Amino acid sequence: MRSFLIAFGIGLLLISCATLPPIPEEQANYSKTYETTLSKAEVYNKSLEWIAKTFRSAKAVIEFQDKDQGKIIGNGSVDCPIGPVQTLVSIGFTLTIEAKEGKYRMVFENIRMVFGPGDTYPLRRDYDVKNVHLKLQSLCDAFQNYLTIKAENW
């Protein structure tokens, strides 16, 4: 009986989510610009390292990279609490890191809930967007901290 009630509750939650209109993409997108003392090349190189250490496979993540432009585009995902009961859901996104002399920008676009291959849904609630933005901010903070780590000279 208990498992029936849990399954019924989850089904009701999914049905109620399906009827909500998606949040407009520009509202779901997230970007931050930072100043830095590092050069464009240093930010670019550290970006590649950070992606390799943060995501499962840098080769699978990075879709485009151009050192002259100081630009890297990739697809990533993080787990984030979603919904009224804060269920942990995989959130997929396209990440662009752009570096210029003295500053860099991180842009997260195409943000979606991922339940399996080809099974993705846009965000549908303001509080879900807020939770996702908090998680993405933590990625920005982690990258900013990574930029301050001095290279080991062994």
Protein backbone atom coordinates (compact mmCIF):
# COMPACT_ATOMS: atom_id res chain seq x y z
CA MET A 1 0.00 0.00 0.00
CA ARG A 2 2.81 2.39 0.91
CA SER A 3 4.62 1.83 -2.41
CA PHE A 4 1.34 2.48 -4.23
CA LEU A 5 0.94 5.83 -2.46
CA ILE A 6 4.52 6.80 -3.24
CA ALA A 7 4.10 5.85 -6.92
CA PHE A 8 0.80 7.72 -7.02
CA GLY A 9 2.41 10.81 -5.48
CA ILE A 10 5.30 10.78 -7.95
CA GLY A 11 2.89 10.28 -10.84
CA LEU A 12 0.75 13.19 -9.64
CA LEU A 13 3.86 15.37 -9.34
CA LEU A 14 4.96 14.53 -12.90
CA ILE A 15 1.49 15.16 -14.32
CA SER A 16 1.23 18.52 -12.53
CA CYS A 17 4.67 19.55 -13.84
CA ALA A 18 3.71 18.65 -17.40
CA THR A 19 0.85 21.14 -17.36
CA LEU A 20 3.00 24.09 -16.32
CA PRO A 21 4.39 26.21 -19.17
CA PRO A 22 8.19 26.19 -19.44
CA ILE A 23 10.14 29.13 -18.01
CA PRO A 24 11.34 31.36 -20.89
CA GLU A 25 14.88 30.38 -21.88
CA GLU A 26 16.30 33.86 -21.28
CA GLN A 27 15.00 33.71 -17.69
CA ALA A 28 16.53 30.25 -17.13
CA ASN A 29 19.93 31.20 -18.62
CA TYR A 30 22.66 32.29 -16.21
CA SER A 31 25.85 34.28 -16.74
CA LYS A 32 28.54 35.92 -14.62
CA THR A 33 31.43 38.18 -15.60
CA TYR A 34 34.53 38.49 -13.43
CA GLU A 35 37.65 40.61 -13.42
CA THR A 36 40.99 38.86 -13.03
CA THR A 37 44.68 39.61 -12.93
CA LEU A 38 45.34 36.66 -15.26
CA SER A 39 45.97 37.04 -18.97
CA LYS A 40 43.53 35.81 -21.59
CA ALA A 41 45.81 32.82 -22.34
CA GLU A 42 46.11 31.91 -18.65
CA VAL A 43 42.33 31.96 -18.17
CA TYR A 44 41.86 29.89 -21.33
CA ASN A 45 44.40 27.24 -20.25
CA LYS A 46 43.05 27.09 -16.70
CA SER A 47 39.53 26.74 -18.17
CA LEU A 48 40.56 23.60 -20.03
CA GLU A 49 42.13 22.16 -16.87
CA TRP A 50 39.09 23.01 -14.73
CA ILE A 51 36.69 21.42 -17.22
CA ALA A 52 38.81 18.26 -17.30
CA LYS A 53 38.82 18.06 -13.49
CA THR A 54 35.19 19.10 -12.91
CA PHE A 55 33.28 17.09 -15.50
CA ARG A 56 33.43 13.36 -16.26
CA SER A 57 35.19 13.62 -19.59
CA ALA A 58 36.61 16.82 -21.03
CA LYS A 59 36.65 15.21 -24.48
CA ALA A 60 32.92 14.49 -24.21
CA VAL A 61 32.15 17.92 -22.74
CA ILE A 62 34.06 20.30 -25.03
CA GLU A 63 32.30 21.01 -28.33
CA PHE A 64 34.34 24.03 -29.45
CA GLN A 65 37.59 25.65 -28.39
CA ASP A 66 39.54 28.52 -29.89
CA LYS A 67 42.59 29.84 -28.07
CA ASP A 68 42.81 33.00 -30.21
CA GLN A 69 39.23 33.94 -29.31
CA GLY A 70 39.72 32.74 -25.73
CA LYS A 71 36.51 30.76 -26.03
CA ILE A 72 35.42 27.28 -24.96
CA ILE A 73 31.92 25.86 -25.45
CA GLY A 74 30.84 22.59 -23.95
CA ASN A 75 27.94 20.58 -22.60
CA GLY A 76 27.83 19.68 -18.94
CA SER A 77 25.51 18.49 -16.23
CA VAL A 78 25.20 18.73 -12.47
CA ASP A 79 22.81 17.23 -9.95
CA CYS A 80 20.45 19.75 -8.40
CA PRO A 81 17.43 19.57 -6.05
CA ILE A 82 14.23 20.27 -8.01
CA GLY A 83 10.55 20.46 -7.14
CA PRO A 84 8.60 20.87 -3.93
CA VAL A 85 10.21 17.78 -2.35
CA GLN A 86 13.71 18.74 -3.58
CA THR A 87 14.31 15.61 -5.67
CA LEU A 88 17.87 15.38 -6.97
CA VAL A 89 17.71 15.72 -10.78
CA SER A 90 20.45 15.93 -13.41
CA ILE A 91 20.51 19.40 -14.96
CA GLY A 92 22.09 19.66 -18.40
CA PHE A 93 23.42 22.88 -19.90
CA THR A 94 25.65 24.43 -22.51
CA LEU A 95 28.57 26.28 -20.90
CA THR A 96 30.55 28.99 -22.65
CA ILE A 97 33.71 30.37 -21.05
CA GLU A 98 35.07 33.48 -22.76
CA ALA A 99 38.35 35.09 -21.74
CA LYS A 100 39.66 38.57 -22.46
CA GLU A 101 42.61 40.42 -20.98
CA GLY A 102 41.72 41.07 -17.35
CA LYS A 103 38.27 39.45 -17.36
CA TYR A 104 36.27 36.37 -18.21
CA ARG A 105 32.63 35.36 -18.52
CA MET A 106 30.77 32.12 -17.85
CA VAL A 107 27.45 31.66 -19.66
CA PHE A 108 25.06 28.76 -18.98
CA GLU A 109 22.37 28.28 -21.63
CA ASN A 110 20.02 25.55 -22.85
CA ILE A 111 19.35 24.58 -19.23
CA ARG A 112 17.13 21.50 -18.93
CA MET A 113 16.22 18.63 -16.64
CA VAL A 114 17.69 15.35 -17.91
CA PHE A 115 16.00 12.07 -17.04
CA GLY A 116 17.76 9.91 -19.61
CA PRO A 117 19.06 9.94 -23.19
CA GLY A 118 16.63 12.05 -25.21
CA ASP A 119 14.40 12.53 -22.16
CA THR A 120 14.88 16.23 -21.31
CA TYR A 121 12.47 18.91 -20.10
CA PRO A 122 12.77 22.68 -19.62
CA LEU A 123 12.52 24.19 -16.16
CA ARG A 124 8.90 24.98 -15.26
CA ARG A 125 8.94 26.70 -11.86
CA ASP A 126 10.57 29.89 -10.58
CA TYR A 127 11.90 28.14 -7.48
CA ASP A 128 13.50 25.47 -9.69
CA VAL A 129 15.26 28.23 -11.64
CA LYS A 130 16.44 29.72 -8.34
CA ASN A 131 17.84 26.35 -7.19
CA VAL A 132 19.57 25.77 -10.53
CA HIS A 133 21.06 29.27 -10.48
CA LEU A 134 22.43 28.64 -6.99
CA LYS A 135 24.06 25.42 -8.24
CA LEU A 136 25.49 27.19 -11.30
CA GLN A 137 26.81 29.97 -9.06
CA SER A 138 28.64 27.30 -7.06
CA LEU A 139 30.29 26.15 -10.33
CA CYS A 140 31.30 29.75 -11.05
CA ASP A 141 32.73 30.04 -7.53
CA ALA A 142 34.65 26.78 -7.96
CA PHE A 143 36.11 28.03 -11.26
CA GLN A 144 37.03 31.38 -9.72
CA ASN A 145 38.81 29.56 -6.88
CA TYR A 146 40.59 27.29 -9.38
CA LEU A 147 41.98 30.33 -11.18
CA THR A 148 43.71 31.44 -7.97
CA ILE A 149 45.57 28.15 -7.45
CA LYS A 150 49.23 28.52 -8.29
CA ALA A 151 50.70 25.87 -10.57
CA GLU A 152 52.92 23.38 -8.80
CA ASN A 153 56.57 23.62 -9.67
CA TRP A 154 57.78 20.10 -8.96
